[in-house]
N, C-alpha and C. Protein backbone atom coordinates (compact mmCIF):
# COMPACT_ATOMS: atom_id res chain seq x y z
N MET A 1 32.78 -17.34 26.59
CA MET A 1 31.91 -16.85 25.56
C MET A 1 30.92 -15.57 26.05
N SER A 2 31.19 -14.44 25.33
CA SER A 2 30.48 -13.32 25.80
C SER A 2 28.97 -13.39 24.84
N ASP A 3 28.29 -12.85 25.33
CA ASP A 3 26.72 -12.75 24.70
C ASP A 3 26.80 -11.11 24.17
N LYS A 4 26.45 -10.98 23.00
CA LYS A 4 26.68 -9.51 22.45
C LYS A 4 25.37 -9.07 22.29
N GLY A 5 24.31 -9.27 23.24
CA GLY A 5 22.98 -8.71 23.18
C GLY A 5 21.86 -9.51 22.78
N PRO A 6 20.60 -9.15 22.71
CA PRO A 6 19.50 -9.98 22.37
C PRO A 6 19.85 -10.51 21.03
N LYS A 7 19.47 -11.87 20.82
CA LYS A 7 19.54 -12.36 19.59
C LYS A 7 18.27 -11.89 18.50
N ILE A 8 18.43 -11.33 17.38
CA ILE A 8 17.55 -11.04 16.54
C ILE A 8 16.95 -12.14 15.61
N PRO A 9 15.57 -12.18 15.99
CA PRO A 9 14.97 -13.21 14.99
C PRO A 9 14.92 -13.36 13.55
N ASN A 10 15.21 -14.42 12.84
CA ASN A 10 15.15 -14.51 11.37
C ASN A 10 13.76 -14.02 11.01
N ALA A 11 13.87 -13.19 9.89
CA ALA A 11 12.57 -12.81 9.14
C ALA A 11 11.76 -13.86 8.79
N PRO A 12 10.48 -13.90 8.96
CA PRO A 12 9.77 -15.00 8.09
C PRO A 12 10.29 -15.15 6.79
N LYS A 13 9.85 -16.52 6.21
CA LYS A 13 10.11 -16.68 5.02
C LYS A 13 8.61 -16.51 4.12
N LEU A 14 8.56 -15.91 3.28
CA LEU A 14 7.26 -15.37 2.70
C LEU A 14 7.11 -16.42 1.46
N THR A 15 5.77 -17.05 1.37
CA THR A 15 5.36 -18.06 0.45
C THR A 15 4.49 -17.52 -0.50
N LEU A 16 4.37 -17.53 -1.77
CA LEU A 16 3.46 -17.08 -2.67
C LEU A 16 2.97 -18.19 -3.44
N THR A 17 1.53 -18.34 -3.72
CA THR A 17 1.17 -19.37 -4.77
C THR A 17 1.22 -18.73 -5.91
N SER A 18 1.18 -19.55 -7.14
CA SER A 18 1.54 -18.92 -8.32
C SER A 18 0.34 -17.99 -8.79
N GLU A 19 -0.91 -18.09 -8.37
CA GLU A 19 -1.76 -16.99 -8.62
C GLU A 19 -1.52 -15.60 -8.06
N ILE A 20 -1.06 -15.74 -6.74
CA ILE A 20 -0.50 -14.55 -5.82
C ILE A 20 0.64 -13.97 -6.20
N GLY A 21 1.62 -14.76 -6.93
CA GLY A 21 2.64 -14.32 -7.42
C GLY A 21 2.68 -13.50 -8.33
N LEU A 22 1.57 -13.54 -9.25
CA LEU A 22 1.49 -12.77 -10.39
C LEU A 22 1.11 -11.36 -10.35
N GLY A 23 0.59 -11.25 -8.96
CA GLY A 23 0.01 -9.51 -8.70
C GLY A 23 -0.91 -9.27 -9.34
N HIS A 24 -1.42 -8.15 -9.07
CA HIS A 24 -2.41 -7.26 -9.80
C HIS A 24 -2.05 -5.77 -9.62
N TYR A 25 -2.12 -5.41 -10.79
CA TYR A 25 -1.90 -3.82 -10.95
C TYR A 25 -2.92 -2.92 -10.71
N SER A 26 -2.36 -2.11 -9.78
CA SER A 26 -3.74 -1.10 -9.09
C SER A 26 -2.89 0.39 -9.77
N ASN A 27 -3.79 1.48 -9.94
CA ASN A 27 -3.58 2.44 -10.01
C ASN A 27 -4.55 3.55 -9.05
N PHE A 28 -5.26 2.86 -8.20
CA PHE A 28 -6.17 3.61 -7.49
C PHE A 28 -6.30 2.74 -6.20
N VAL A 29 -6.56 3.56 -4.98
CA VAL A 29 -6.71 2.89 -3.61
C VAL A 29 -7.86 3.62 -3.31
N SER A 30 -8.87 3.03 -2.60
CA SER A 30 -9.97 3.56 -1.81
C SER A 30 -9.96 2.92 -0.43
N ILE A 31 -9.56 3.96 0.71
CA ILE A 31 -9.50 3.52 2.07
C ILE A 31 -10.61 4.07 3.04
N ALA A 32 -11.04 3.11 3.87
CA ALA A 32 -12.17 3.25 4.74
C ALA A 32 -11.67 2.61 5.95
N HIS A 33 -12.29 3.00 7.18
CA HIS A 33 -11.67 2.43 8.28
C HIS A 33 -13.11 2.47 9.44
N ASN A 34 -13.07 1.79 10.48
CA ASN A 34 -14.04 1.68 11.62
C ASN A 34 -12.95 1.67 12.71
N PHE A 35 -13.48 1.38 13.94
CA PHE A 35 -12.57 1.35 15.17
C PHE A 35 -11.62 0.43 15.08
N SER A 36 -11.77 -0.74 14.47
CA SER A 36 -11.11 -1.85 14.76
C SER A 36 -10.39 -2.59 13.49
N GLU A 37 -10.71 -1.67 12.33
CA GLU A 37 -10.28 -2.31 10.78
C GLU A 37 -9.76 -1.08 9.92
N VAL A 38 -9.00 -1.20 9.18
CA VAL A 38 -8.55 -0.66 7.89
C VAL A 38 -8.84 -1.20 6.69
N LEU A 39 -9.73 -0.76 5.77
CA LEU A 39 -10.05 -1.40 4.70
C LEU A 39 -9.48 -0.77 3.49
N LEU A 40 -8.71 -1.31 2.71
CA LEU A 40 -7.88 -1.20 1.51
C LEU A 40 -8.64 -1.67 0.31
N ASP A 41 -9.27 -0.98 -0.62
CA ASP A 41 -9.74 -1.45 -1.87
C ASP A 41 -8.74 -0.94 -3.14
N PHE A 42 -8.21 -1.96 -3.63
CA PHE A 42 -7.26 -1.48 -4.94
C PHE A 42 -7.81 -1.51 -6.06
N GLY A 43 -7.78 -0.81 -7.07
CA GLY A 43 -8.51 -1.07 -8.05
C GLY A 43 -7.61 -0.31 -9.27
N ARG A 44 -8.31 -0.48 -10.59
CA ARG A 44 -7.82 -0.08 -11.84
C ARG A 44 -8.70 0.77 -12.57
N THR A 45 -8.19 1.95 -12.82
CA THR A 45 -9.03 2.70 -13.55
C THR A 45 -8.68 2.81 -14.81
N LEU A 46 -9.78 2.54 -15.86
CA LEU A 46 -9.48 2.22 -17.35
C LEU A 46 -10.28 3.45 -18.21
N PRO A 47 -9.55 3.85 -19.24
CA PRO A 47 -10.20 4.74 -20.03
C PRO A 47 -11.49 4.25 -20.49
N GLY A 48 -12.64 5.28 -20.61
CA GLY A 48 -13.92 4.55 -20.95
C GLY A 48 -14.71 4.21 -20.15
N ARG A 49 -14.36 3.79 -19.02
CA ARG A 49 -15.27 3.27 -17.97
C ARG A 49 -15.39 4.19 -16.83
N GLU A 50 -16.78 4.09 -16.51
CA GLU A 50 -16.85 5.15 -15.21
C GLU A 50 -16.87 4.46 -13.93
N ASP A 51 -16.93 3.06 -14.07
CA ASP A 51 -16.64 2.11 -12.59
C ASP A 51 -15.46 2.01 -12.71
N ILE A 52 -14.73 1.49 -11.45
CA ILE A 52 -13.41 1.23 -11.12
C ILE A 52 -13.43 -0.08 -10.63
N PRO A 53 -13.09 -1.41 -11.26
CA PRO A 53 -12.89 -2.51 -10.84
C PRO A 53 -12.13 -2.74 -9.76
N VAL A 54 -12.59 -3.41 -8.71
CA VAL A 54 -11.30 -3.59 -7.64
C VAL A 54 -10.69 -4.92 -7.86
N VAL A 55 -9.51 -4.94 -7.68
CA VAL A 55 -8.81 -6.18 -7.96
C VAL A 55 -8.25 -6.79 -6.76
N ALA A 56 -8.35 -6.12 -5.73
CA ALA A 56 -7.71 -6.79 -4.38
C ALA A 56 -8.43 -5.84 -3.20
N ARG A 57 -8.76 -6.67 -2.39
CA ARG A 57 -9.41 -5.85 -1.01
C ARG A 57 -8.66 -6.45 0.25
N ILE A 58 -7.89 -5.58 1.08
CA ILE A 58 -7.09 -5.80 2.07
C ILE A 58 -7.57 -5.27 3.13
N THR A 59 -7.65 -5.96 4.35
CA THR A 59 -8.31 -5.62 5.62
C THR A 59 -7.31 -5.76 6.70
N MET A 60 -7.08 -4.90 7.59
CA MET A 60 -6.23 -5.14 8.47
C MET A 60 -6.27 -4.20 9.68
N ASN A 61 -5.60 -4.47 10.91
CA ASN A 61 -5.92 -3.78 12.05
C ASN A 61 -5.11 -2.44 12.07
N PRO A 62 -5.49 -1.31 12.60
CA PRO A 62 -5.08 0.05 12.92
C PRO A 62 -3.61 -0.13 12.91
N PHE A 63 -3.18 -0.94 14.04
CA PHE A 63 -1.89 -1.12 14.28
C PHE A 63 -0.81 -1.67 13.00
N GLN A 64 -1.43 -2.34 12.32
CA GLN A 64 -0.61 -3.16 10.92
C GLN A 64 -0.74 -1.79 9.93
N ALA A 65 -1.88 -1.23 9.86
CA ALA A 65 -2.06 0.08 9.02
C ALA A 65 -0.98 0.99 9.07
N LYS A 66 -0.63 1.33 10.84
CA LYS A 66 0.41 2.38 10.86
C LYS A 66 1.76 1.74 10.41
N GLN A 67 1.86 0.23 10.74
CA GLN A 67 3.12 -0.20 10.18
C GLN A 67 3.51 -0.07 8.83
N LEU A 68 2.45 -0.48 8.02
CA LEU A 68 2.16 -0.19 6.74
C LEU A 68 2.70 1.30 6.20
N LEU A 69 2.18 2.32 6.67
CA LEU A 69 2.29 3.69 6.33
C LEU A 69 3.85 3.89 6.78
N ARG A 70 4.41 3.44 7.83
CA ARG A 70 5.83 3.58 8.14
C ARG A 70 6.62 3.11 6.94
N ALA A 71 6.30 1.74 6.78
CA ALA A 71 7.28 1.15 5.79
C ALA A 71 7.14 1.70 4.13
N LEU A 72 5.85 2.13 3.94
CA LEU A 72 5.51 2.93 2.38
C LEU A 72 6.42 3.88 2.55
N SER A 73 6.44 4.85 3.68
CA SER A 73 7.11 6.20 3.71
C SER A 73 8.76 6.09 3.62
N HIS A 74 9.07 5.03 4.23
CA HIS A 74 10.62 4.72 4.14
C HIS A 74 11.12 4.19 2.92
N ASN A 75 10.10 3.22 2.06
CA ASN A 75 10.53 2.83 0.68
C ASN A 75 10.29 3.78 -0.06
N VAL A 76 9.44 4.93 -0.19
CA VAL A 76 9.49 5.98 -0.81
C VAL A 76 10.44 6.76 -1.04
N GLN A 77 10.96 7.03 0.16
CA GLN A 77 12.39 7.87 0.58
C GLN A 77 13.45 7.24 -0.08
N MET A 78 13.47 5.69 0.24
CA MET A 78 14.83 5.03 -0.50
C MET A 78 14.59 5.14 -2.35
N TYR A 79 13.46 5.04 -2.68
CA TYR A 79 13.24 5.13 -4.07
C TYR A 79 13.60 6.63 -4.54
N GLU A 80 13.25 7.52 -4.02
CA GLU A 80 13.69 9.04 -4.46
C GLU A 80 15.04 9.26 -4.15
N GLN A 81 15.76 8.74 -3.34
CA GLN A 81 17.27 8.65 -3.24
C GLN A 81 18.04 8.03 -4.46
N SER A 82 17.22 6.89 -5.03
CA SER A 82 17.71 6.30 -5.73
C SER A 82 17.55 6.91 -7.37
N PHE A 83 16.23 7.33 -7.52
CA PHE A 83 15.68 7.78 -8.92
C PHE A 83 15.40 9.19 -8.85
N GLY A 84 15.16 10.18 -7.81
CA GLY A 84 14.97 11.25 -7.99
C GLY A 84 13.41 11.39 -7.40
N PRO A 85 13.17 12.73 -7.26
CA PRO A 85 11.76 12.78 -6.70
C PRO A 85 10.69 12.29 -7.48
N ILE A 86 9.67 11.83 -6.97
CA ILE A 86 8.29 11.25 -7.44
C ILE A 86 7.61 12.81 -7.50
N PRO A 87 7.10 13.02 -8.86
CA PRO A 87 6.46 14.49 -9.15
C PRO A 87 5.01 14.03 -8.71
N ASP A 88 4.27 15.21 -8.53
CA ASP A 88 2.79 15.22 -7.97
C ASP A 88 2.28 14.92 -9.30
N PRO A 89 1.07 14.42 -9.11
CA PRO A 89 -0.09 14.30 -10.52
C PRO A 89 -0.47 15.65 -10.81
N PRO A 90 -0.67 16.01 -12.20
CA PRO A 90 -1.25 17.31 -12.23
C PRO A 90 -2.65 17.63 -11.54
N ALA A 91 -3.08 18.59 -11.30
CA ALA A 91 -4.29 18.66 -10.49
C ALA A 91 -5.28 18.67 -11.59
N SER A 92 -6.60 17.93 -11.24
CA SER A 92 -7.68 17.84 -12.08
C SER A 92 -8.90 18.03 -11.36
N ASP A 93 -10.16 18.10 -12.08
CA ASP A 93 -11.45 18.11 -11.35
C ASP A 93 -11.69 17.13 -10.72
N ASN A 94 -11.01 15.87 -10.73
CA ASN A 94 -11.59 14.60 -9.73
C ASN A 94 -10.59 15.02 -8.28
N ASP A 95 -9.79 15.91 -8.11
CA ASP A 95 -9.18 16.34 -6.83
C ASP A 95 -10.37 16.69 -5.95
N ALA A 96 -11.61 16.82 -6.04
CA ALA A 96 -12.55 17.37 -5.29
C ALA A 96 -13.36 15.99 -4.77
N GLN A 97 -12.78 14.79 -4.99
CA GLN A 97 -13.48 13.54 -4.36
C GLN A 97 -13.33 13.64 -2.94
N SER A 98 -13.91 12.53 -2.58
CA SER A 98 -13.63 12.37 -0.81
C SER A 98 -12.31 12.05 -0.33
N SER A 99 -12.42 12.68 0.93
CA SER A 99 -10.93 12.53 1.50
C SER A 99 -10.45 11.14 1.75
N THR A 100 -11.42 10.28 1.67
CA THR A 100 -11.10 8.71 1.95
C THR A 100 -10.56 8.01 0.73
N THR A 101 -10.73 8.72 -0.37
CA THR A 101 -10.46 8.25 -1.75
C THR A 101 -9.03 8.53 -2.17
N HIS A 102 -7.93 7.80 -2.33
CA HIS A 102 -6.60 8.23 -2.59
C HIS A 102 -6.10 7.35 -3.82
C-alpha cells in the first residue's frame, strides 16, 4: 500500500444557532486596528438617518484579517467570473471620509 502524500484534514463543520443563521444585512463597514487586533463594525445606512446603526462587531487578530482579505479577494474574483464585473459606486461628497471607513 503506497502513501500518496500527507492526508488533508477534513474541513470543520460550521454550526449556526437560529439567531446567527438569519444573518444581518450590512451596507457599511468601519475598520480600525491596533497592534494585536482588527475591529470590523458592520452597519446599515438608512435614508433619513444621520447615524449608522452597527448590526455586528467582529474582532480578529491581524493574521485572520489577512486570511479574510485573501478569501474575499478570491470570492470576488469568482463572482465576477460568473456574473461580470462589479461596478464601482458613483463618486459622492461622502468619498472624503476617513480612510478607515469603507
